[in-house]
C-alpha cells in the first residue's frame, strides 16, 4: 500500500523558491520543473526506500537526487515526509536542520 505524501512548510518554501528562480528565465519551464520534482516526490510513496540513507547528516534522513534537485525526506510509519528540496548544487548537508 502506498505511503501518504506530506510536505514540510520548509519543503513547500523550497519548491516556491525554485519556481521563482527558474521563472526568471521561463515561467512555463519553471512550472514544468516543479511539477516534475513533485512527481518524483510522489514516486517515493510507492517506493519509499529509493533514497540513500544519510544518518551522518540527520537521523532517519534519506536523500533522493533528481537532475539538479535533491529531495530530502523521512519515512514515518505510513508517510513519506518531504523535509527539504535543494536545487542547483546547494550543500544540503550544511543546510539541513537536524
C-alpha atoms as a PDB file:
ATOM      1  CA  UNK A   1       0.000   0.000   0.000  1.00  0.00           C
ATOM      2  CA  UNK A   2       1.414   3.419  -0.928  1.00  0.00           C
ATOM      3  CA  UNK A   3       2.566   5.789   1.765  1.00  0.00           C
ATOM      4  CA  UNK A   4       0.910   9.178   2.264  1.00  0.00           C
ATOM      5  CA  UNK A   5       2.918  12.133   0.930  1.00  0.00           C
ATOM      6  CA  UNK A   6       3.426  15.072   3.310  1.00  0.00           C
ATOM      7  CA  UNK A   7       5.484  18.219   2.685  1.00  0.00           C
ATOM      8  CA  UNK A   8       7.020  20.250   5.499  1.00  0.00           C
ATOM      9  CA  UNK A   9       6.461  24.003   5.394  1.00  0.00           C
ATOM     10  CA  UNK A  10      10.163  24.395   4.615  1.00  0.00           C
ATOM     11  CA  UNK A  11       9.933  21.986   1.667  1.00  0.00           C
ATOM     12  CA  UNK A  12       6.990  23.949   0.264  1.00  0.00           C
ATOM     13  CA  UNK A  13       9.024  27.144   0.614  1.00  0.00           C
ATOM     14  CA  UNK A  14      11.918  25.429  -1.158  1.00  0.00           C
ATOM     15  CA  UNK A  15       9.655  24.485  -4.084  1.00  0.00           C
ATOM     16  CA  UNK A  16       8.329  28.039  -4.279  1.00  0.00           C
ATOM     17  CA  UNK A  17      11.885  29.413  -4.295  1.00  0.00           C
ATOM     18  CA  UNK A  18      12.846  27.006  -7.102  1.00  0.00           C
ATOM     19  CA  UNK A  19       9.760  28.061  -9.059  1.00  0.00           C
ATOM     20  CA  UNK A  20      10.578  31.752  -8.629  1.00  0.00           C
ATOM     21  CA  UNK A  21      14.243  31.280  -9.535  1.00  0.00           C
ATOM     22  CA  UNK A  22      13.598  29.289 -12.717  1.00  0.00           C
ATOM     23  CA  UNK A  23      10.682  31.581 -13.651  1.00  0.00           C
ATOM     24  CA  UNK A  24      13.128  34.461 -14.062  1.00  0.00           C
ATOM     25  CA  UNK A  25      14.146  32.782 -17.330  1.00  0.00           C
ATOM     26  CA  UNK A  26      10.981  30.882 -18.209  1.00  0.00           C
ATOM     27  CA  UNK A  27       7.749  30.783 -16.184  1.00  0.00           C
ATOM     28  CA  UNK A  28       6.427  27.881 -18.259  1.00  0.00           C
ATOM     29  CA  UNK A  29       9.588  25.847 -17.736  1.00  0.00           C
ATOM     30  CA  UNK A  30       9.519  26.681 -14.017  1.00  0.00           C
ATOM     31  CA  UNK A  31       6.038  25.191 -13.617  1.00  0.00           C
ATOM     32  CA  UNK A  32       7.083  22.063 -15.535  1.00  0.00           C
ATOM     33  CA  UNK A  33      10.246  21.688 -13.469  1.00  0.00           C
ATOM     34  CA  UNK A  34       8.466  21.956 -10.105  1.00  0.00           C
ATOM     35  CA  UNK A  35       5.764  19.553 -11.333  1.00  0.00           C
ATOM     36  CA  UNK A  36       8.496  17.058 -12.283  1.00  0.00           C
ATOM     37  CA  UNK A  37      10.028  17.346  -8.799  1.00  0.00           C
ATOM     38  CA  UNK A  38       6.586  16.807  -7.255  1.00  0.00           C
ATOM     39  CA  UNK A  39       6.121  13.668  -9.399  1.00  0.00           C
ATOM     40  CA  UNK A  40       9.444  12.356  -8.043  1.00  0.00           C
ATOM     41  CA  UNK A  41       8.227  13.026  -4.521  1.00  0.00           C
ATOM     42  CA  UNK A  42       5.031  11.089  -5.290  1.00  0.00           C
ATOM     43  CA  UNK A  43       7.143   8.187  -6.589  1.00  0.00           C
ATOM     44  CA  UNK A  44       8.622   7.904  -3.105  1.00  0.00           C
ATOM     45  CA  UNK A  45       5.151   6.989  -1.813  1.00  0.00           C
ATOM     46  CA  UNK A  46       5.290   3.829  -3.919  1.00  0.00           C
ATOM     47  CA  UNK A  47       8.978   3.128  -3.300  1.00  0.00           C
ATOM     48  CA  UNK A  48       9.940   4.891  -0.057  1.00  0.00           C
ATOM     49  CA  UNK A  49      13.342   3.228   0.199  1.00  0.00           C
ATOM     50  CA  UNK A  50      14.589   4.550  -3.166  1.00  0.00           C
ATOM     51  CA  UNK A  51      16.633   7.244  -1.497  1.00  0.00           C
ATOM     52  CA  UNK A  52      20.017   6.807   0.132  1.00  0.00           C
ATOM     53  CA  UNK A  53      20.096   6.845   3.922  1.00  0.00           C
ATOM     54  CA  UNK A  54      22.132   9.754   5.326  1.00  0.00           C
ATOM     55  CA  UNK A  55      22.303   9.329   9.114  1.00  0.00           C
ATOM     56  CA  UNK A  56      25.572  11.276   9.027  1.00  0.00           C
ATOM     57  CA  UNK A  57      23.560  14.363   8.054  1.00  0.00           C
ATOM     58  CA  UNK A  58      20.478  13.783  10.237  1.00  0.00           C
ATOM     59  CA  UNK A  59      18.935  10.682  11.872  1.00  0.00           C
ATOM     60  CA  UNK A  60      16.371   8.980   9.628  1.00  0.00           C
ATOM     61  CA  UNK A  61      17.153  11.234   6.670  1.00  0.00           C
ATOM     62  CA  UNK A  62      17.077   9.894   3.124  1.00  0.00           C
ATOM     63  CA  UNK A  63      18.283  11.715   0.025  1.00  0.00           C
ATOM     64  CA  UNK A  64      16.824  11.224  -3.454  1.00  0.00           C
ATOM     65  CA  UNK A  65      18.572  13.133  -6.255  1.00  0.00           C
ATOM     66  CA  UNK A  66      16.643  14.165  -9.345  1.00  0.00           C
ATOM     67  CA  UNK A  67      18.538  16.036 -12.049  1.00  0.00           C
ATOM     68  CA  UNK A  68      19.660  19.307 -10.381  1.00  0.00           C
ATOM     69  CA  UNK A  69      17.430  18.808  -7.333  1.00  0.00           C
ATOM     70  CA  UNK A  70      17.949  16.831  -4.148  1.00  0.00           C
ATOM     71  CA  UNK A  71      14.872  15.699  -2.245  1.00  0.00           C
ATOM     72  CA  UNK A  72      15.466  15.200   1.482  1.00  0.00           C
ATOM     73  CA  UNK A  73      12.820  13.079   3.209  1.00  0.00           C
ATOM     74  CA  UNK A  74      12.000  10.763   6.078  1.00  0.00           C
ATOM     75  CA  UNK A  75       9.843   7.650   6.198  1.00  0.00           C
ATOM     76  CA  UNK A  76       7.405   7.956   9.106  1.00  0.00           C
ATOM     77  CA  UNK A  77       5.274   4.827   9.527  1.00  0.00           C
ATOM     78  CA  UNK A  78       2.782   5.161   6.631  1.00  0.00           C
ATOM     79  CA  UNK A  79       4.018   8.588   5.482  1.00  0.00           C
ATOM     80  CA  UNK A  80       6.801   9.958   3.360  1.00  0.00           C
ATOM     81  CA  UNK A  81       7.620  13.394   4.747  1.00  0.00           C
ATOM     82  CA  UNK A  82       9.489  15.682   2.360  1.00  0.00           C
ATOM     83  CA  UNK A  83      11.575  17.861   4.663  1.00  0.00           C
ATOM     84  CA  UNK A  84      13.592  19.911   2.137  1.00  0.00           C
ATOM     85  CA  UNK A  85      14.110  20.250  -1.612  1.00  0.00           C
ATOM     86  CA  UNK A  86      17.518  21.588  -2.602  1.00  0.00           C
ATOM     87  CA  UNK A  87      18.429  22.880  -6.044  1.00  0.00           C
ATOM     88  CA  UNK A  88      21.451  23.653  -8.162  1.00  0.00           C
ATOM     89  CA  UNK A  89      24.320  22.282  -6.152  1.00  0.00           C
ATOM     90  CA  UNK A  90      23.307  23.603  -2.743  1.00  0.00           C
ATOM     91  CA  UNK A  91      25.259  21.920   0.056  1.00  0.00           C
ATOM     92  CA  UNK A  92      22.331  20.071   1.586  1.00  0.00           C
ATOM     93  CA  UNK A  93      24.385  18.535   4.383  1.00  0.00           C
ATOM     94  CA  UNK A  94      25.317  22.026   5.606  1.00  0.00           C
ATOM     95  CA  UNK A  95      21.783  23.396   5.144  1.00  0.00           C
ATOM     96  CA  UNK A  96      19.863  20.512   6.736  1.00  0.00           C
ATOM     97  CA  UNK A  97      18.273  21.298  10.048  1.00  0.00           C
ATOM     98  CA  UNK A  98      18.801  18.450  12.482  1.00  0.00           C
END
